[in-house]
Protein backbone atom coordinates (compact mmCIF):
# COMPACT_ATOMS: atom_id res chain seq x y z
CA MET A 1 -0.15 -0.23 -0.20
CA VAL A 2 1.06 3.44 -1.13
CA ARG A 3 1.24 5.67 1.92
CA SER A 4 -0.27 9.31 2.08
CA LEU A 5 2.18 11.74 2.48
CA PRO A 6 1.63 15.22 4.41
CA LYS A 7 2.44 18.50 1.98
CA LYS A 8 6.11 19.31 2.49
CA LYS A 9 7.05 23.26 2.46
CA ALA A 10 9.63 23.89 0.12
CA LEU A 11 13.00 25.10 0.25
CA PRO A 12 12.58 28.79 -1.04
CA GLY A 13 14.23 30.15 -3.94
CA VAL A 14 15.04 26.30 -4.87
CA GLU A 15 13.20 24.91 -7.97
CA ARG A 16 14.06 21.39 -7.81
CA ILE A 17 15.70 18.90 -5.65
CA VAL A 18 17.20 15.66 -6.64
CA MET A 19 18.45 13.12 -4.67
CA VAL A 20 21.62 10.68 -5.79
CA ALA A 21 21.22 7.12 -3.61
CA SER A 22 21.74 3.74 -3.94
CA GLY A 23 21.64 1.12 -0.95
CA LYS A 24 25.07 -0.05 -1.39
CA GLY A 25 28.19 1.69 -0.67
CA GLY A 26 30.83 2.62 -2.71
CA VAL A 27 29.62 2.30 -6.22
CA GLY A 28 29.84 5.81 -6.93
CA LYS A 29 27.35 8.01 -5.60
CA SER A 30 29.53 10.95 -5.14
CA THR A 31 31.07 11.05 -8.32
CA ALA A 32 27.57 11.13 -10.05
CA ALA A 33 26.47 13.73 -7.48
CA VAL A 34 29.68 15.93 -8.47
CA ASN A 35 29.37 15.32 -12.21
CA LEU A 36 25.36 15.91 -12.31
CA ALA A 37 25.88 19.34 -10.40
CA VAL A 38 28.95 20.81 -12.61
CA SER A 39 27.50 19.63 -15.78
CA LEU A 40 24.08 21.67 -14.86
CA ALA A 41 26.39 24.30 -14.03
CA GLN A 42 28.09 24.54 -17.05
CA CYS A 43 24.57 24.42 -18.95
CA GLY A 44 23.92 27.40 -17.12
CA GLN A 45 21.66 26.44 -14.70
CA ARG A 46 21.76 27.96 -11.38
CA VAL A 47 22.81 24.90 -8.85
CA GLY A 48 23.44 23.87 -5.60
CA LEU A 49 25.42 20.25 -4.32
CA LEU A 50 24.99 18.89 -0.33
CA ASP A 51 26.80 16.28 0.95
CA ALA A 52 24.53 14.42 3.32
CA ASP A 53 26.72 11.72 3.68
CA LEU A 54 27.36 13.15 6.95
CA PHE A 55 29.74 9.69 8.24
CA GLY A 56 32.00 9.89 5.03
CA PRO A 57 31.61 12.98 3.35
CA SER A 58 33.75 13.15 -0.03
CA ILE A 59 32.41 16.48 -1.40
CA PRO A 60 34.83 18.79 -0.29
CA LEU A 61 37.59 17.01 -1.86
CA MET A 62 36.02 16.01 -4.83
CA MET A 63 35.12 19.67 -5.26
CA ASN A 64 38.31 20.90 -4.28
CA LEU A 65 37.25 23.19 -1.24
CA LYS A 66 38.54 23.60 2.03
CA GLU A 67 37.21 26.84 3.44
CA THR A 68 35.28 26.61 6.41
CA PRO A 69 31.79 28.48 5.39
CA LEU A 70 30.48 31.70 6.89
CA VAL A 71 27.33 32.56 8.85
CA ASP A 72 24.53 35.50 7.82
CA GLU A 73 23.62 37.76 10.72
CA ASN A 74 20.23 35.25 10.91
CA ASN A 75 23.28 32.48 11.62
CA ARG A 76 22.66 30.87 8.21
CA ILE A 77 25.41 28.83 6.64
CA ILE A 78 26.77 30.65 3.53
CA PRO A 79 27.75 27.69 1.20
CA PRO A 80 31.17 28.50 -1.06
CA ILE A 81 31.07 28.12 -4.25
CA ASN A 82 33.35 26.24 -6.79
CA TYR A 83 32.91 25.33 -10.27
CA ASN A 84 29.50 27.80 -10.18
CA VAL A 85 28.18 25.12 -7.91
CA LYS A 86 27.41 26.33 -4.21
CA CYS A 87 28.74 23.30 -2.10
CA LEU A 88 27.84 22.38 1.37
CA SER A 89 29.44 19.62 3.54
CA LEU A 90 30.12 18.21 6.83
CA GLY A 91 33.45 17.99 6.11
CA LEU A 92 33.88 21.32 6.00
CA LEU A 93 32.79 22.25 9.09
CA THR A 94 34.02 19.66 11.06
CA ASP A 95 37.47 18.95 9.69
CA MET A 96 38.25 15.48 9.88
CA LYS A 97 36.21 14.88 13.33
CA PRO A 98 34.54 11.24 12.80
CA ALA A 99 30.56 12.18 13.15
CA ILE A 100 29.57 9.61 16.33
CA TRP A 101 25.67 10.63 16.61
CA ARG A 102 22.42 8.58 16.51
CA GLY A 103 19.28 9.51 15.14
CA PRO A 104 17.82 12.31 16.69
CA LEU A 105 21.20 13.84 16.43
CA VAL A 106 21.64 12.43 12.70
CA MET A 107 18.14 14.40 11.62
CA SER A 108 18.95 17.66 13.71
CA ALA A 109 22.13 18.36 11.52
CA THR A 110 20.59 16.84 8.12
CA GLU A 111 17.90 19.79 8.98
CA ARG A 112 20.22 22.51 9.72
CA LEU A 113 21.80 21.44 6.66
CA LEU A 114 19.28 21.71 4.56
CA LYS A 115 17.22 24.39 5.95
CA GLY A 116 19.82 26.27 8.02
CA THR A 117 21.57 27.08 4.61
CA VAL A 118 21.16 30.26 1.99
CA TRP A 119 21.02 28.05 -1.26
CA ASN A 120 18.56 30.56 -3.15
CA PRO A 121 18.49 31.28 -6.18
CA LEU A 122 19.00 27.72 -7.25
CA ASP A 123 17.16 25.98 -10.27
CA PHE A 124 18.74 22.55 -9.31
CA LEU A 125 19.64 21.23 -5.67
CA ILE A 126 21.80 17.71 -5.66
CA ILE A 127 21.98 15.65 -2.38
CA ASP A 128 24.49 12.85 -2.39
CA THR A 129 23.26 10.89 0.12
CA PRO A 130 24.90 8.29 2.47
CA PRO A 131 24.76 3.99 1.69
CA GLY A 132 21.18 2.75 2.59
CA THR A 133 17.80 3.80 3.54
CA GLY A 134 18.11 5.35 7.17
CA ASP A 135 17.53 8.37 9.09
CA ILE A 136 19.28 10.62 6.43
CA HIS A 137 17.20 9.78 4.09
CA LEU A 138 13.65 10.12 5.82
CA SER A 139 14.76 13.17 7.13
CA LEU A 140 15.07 14.96 3.92
CA MET A 141 11.85 13.14 2.33
CA GLN A 142 10.20 14.63 5.02
CA ASN A 143 11.32 17.88 5.35
CA VAL A 144 11.08 19.07 1.76
CA PRO A 145 9.52 18.09 -1.69
CA ILE A 146 12.56 15.76 -3.80
CA SER A 147 11.74 16.28 -7.42
CA GLY A 148 13.24 12.99 -7.80
CA VAL A 149 15.88 10.54 -7.12
CA LEU A 150 18.84 9.09 -9.08
CA LEU A 151 20.31 5.64 -8.61
CA VAL A 152 23.33 4.80 -8.83
CA SER A 153 24.95 1.00 -8.93
CA THR A 154 28.05 -0.90 -10.36
CA PRO A 155 27.10 -4.05 -12.11
CA GLN A 156 27.08 -6.75 -10.16
CA LEU A 157 24.17 -8.58 -8.38
CA ALA A 158 24.61 -8.01 -4.87
CA ALA A 159 25.09 -4.37 -5.18
CA LEU A 160 22.04 -3.76 -7.84
CA ARG A 161 19.48 -6.42 -5.25
CA VAL A 162 20.31 -3.65 -2.38
CA THR A 163 19.64 -0.30 -4.71
CA GLN A 164 16.60 -2.11 -5.72
CA ARG A 165 15.52 -2.06 -2.03
CA GLY A 166 16.34 1.22 -1.99
CA ALA A 167 13.91 2.04 -4.72
CA GLU A 168 11.22 0.44 -3.51
CA MET A 169 11.36 2.82 -0.32
CA PHE A 170 11.15 5.61 -2.94
CA LYS A 171 8.23 4.09 -4.32
CA ILE A 172 6.52 3.63 -1.06
CA LEU A 173 7.16 7.59 -0.20
CA GLN A 174 6.12 8.45 -3.15
CA VAL A 175 9.43 10.09 -4.65
CA PRO A 176 10.03 9.72 -8.41
CA VAL A 177 12.76 7.46 -9.47
CA LEU A 178 14.31 9.27 -12.35
CA GLY A 179 16.67 6.38 -13.56
CA LEU A 180 19.63 4.58 -12.87
CA ILE A 181 23.48 5.38 -13.77
CA GLU A 182 25.46 2.33 -14.33
CA ASN A 183 28.94 3.13 -12.30
CA MET A 184 32.55 0.87 -13.00
CA SER A 185 30.20 -0.41 -16.12
CA SER A 186 33.74 -1.67 -17.34
CA VAL A 187 36.93 -1.19 -17.92
CA LYS A 188 39.11 -0.84 -20.76
CA CYS A 189 42.87 -2.99 -20.94
CA SER A 190 45.75 -1.10 -22.00
CA ASN A 191 47.08 -4.27 -24.10
CA CYS A 192 44.39 -5.06 -26.00
CA GLY A 193 42.31 -1.95 -26.03
CA ASN A 194 39.02 -4.05 -25.38
CA ASN A 195 36.53 -3.15 -22.78
CA VAL A 196 36.30 -6.02 -19.99
CA GLU A 197 32.91 -5.84 -18.10
CA ILE A 198 34.66 -6.98 -14.45
CA PHE A 199 31.90 -7.02 -12.60
CA GLY A 200 29.34 -8.86 -15.23
CA ARG A 201 26.34 -7.57 -16.60
CA GLU A 202 23.22 -7.96 -14.68
CA THR A 203 21.82 -4.37 -14.95
CA ASP A 204 19.80 -4.53 -17.87
CA ARG A 205 17.60 -7.04 -16.39
CA ILE A 206 17.45 -5.74 -12.50
CA ALA A 207 16.52 -2.28 -14.13
CA GLU A 208 13.99 -3.73 -16.39
CA GLU A 209 12.11 -5.83 -13.27
CA MET A 210 12.45 -1.98 -11.48
CA ASN A 211 11.01 -0.39 -14.32
CA ILE A 212 13.48 2.59 -15.09
CA PRO A 213 15.40 3.49 -17.86
CA ILE A 214 19.64 2.72 -17.53
CA LEU A 215 20.70 7.14 -17.93
CA GLU A 216 24.36 5.95 -18.16
CA ARG A 217 27.14 3.72 -18.38
CA ILE A 218 30.41 5.05 -16.86
CA GLN A 219 33.69 2.87 -17.29
CA ILE A 220 36.30 2.73 -14.44
CA ASP A 221 38.33 5.94 -14.89
CA PRO A 222 41.86 6.13 -13.20
CA GLU A 223 41.50 9.74 -13.01
CA VAL A 224 39.18 9.63 -10.64
CA MET A 225 41.18 8.17 -7.94
CA LYS A 226 43.12 11.33 -7.91
CA GLY A 227 39.97 13.01 -6.67
CA ASP A 228 39.80 14.65 -10.25
CA LEU A 229 36.12 15.54 -12.08
CA LEU A 230 35.12 13.64 -14.67
CA ILE A 231 33.61 16.05 -16.77
CA ASN A 232 33.14 16.19 -20.71
C-alpha cells in the first residue's frame, strides 16, 4: 500500500531537489552527484550540491573545497562556491572529526544543513546521500518535496539487489525514481583496447524489474582516484 504523505514546504528559492542514492556503499554516488551538479552548472543552471553523507563526506575533496563556510546575520550558513556550484558538507564544518551520532542528532544535523543554509536562488539542489535507507533519507524526504531520485549502482547482482530495495522505499514514499546510472560498467584493457566487464552484466535485467531506464554507463577511469572531476 502506498501511504498518503503530508504536504511538505519547499525550500525558498529552490526549484528542484534531486537526490542521488543507492542502497550499496562504494558504488560512486558522490562521483555521480558531483558530475551532475557541475554539468548542470556548465549548461547555465543555478546549482547547489549538498553532501548529506554525514559519516563519510567526500564532496569537499571532489569539489576542491577547504574553506570553512561563513554564516550570515541570521546564523544561516553561506555555502562556498566552486565550479559555479554552491556546496555544503559536514566535512567543511568539522575538519576530520568523525560524526558519532544517533538518530535524533543525525536528523537535526540534516535539517540544519538543508534548511539552515542560504541556497537560493537555485534551479537544482543535488543531494548526495549515504548508503542504505536510513534516518538521513527519511529526514530529507519528510522535510522537503523531492523532485526525483537518481539511483547509482555497479553492475554486479549483489549491489543491484540492494539498490532495488532502496528503489522500493522511494516508491512507497512517493518519490519519483528518475533512472539508474551504471557505474564501473567496464574497464578498457591497456594492452588490447577491449572493454572488460569485470563486474558482469546484470543491470539490464534488474532495471527492467524496477521499470526504470538506464541513463548512463560509466567506465572505470583511473583519473577519478585523484579526486578530479570526470567532466566531458
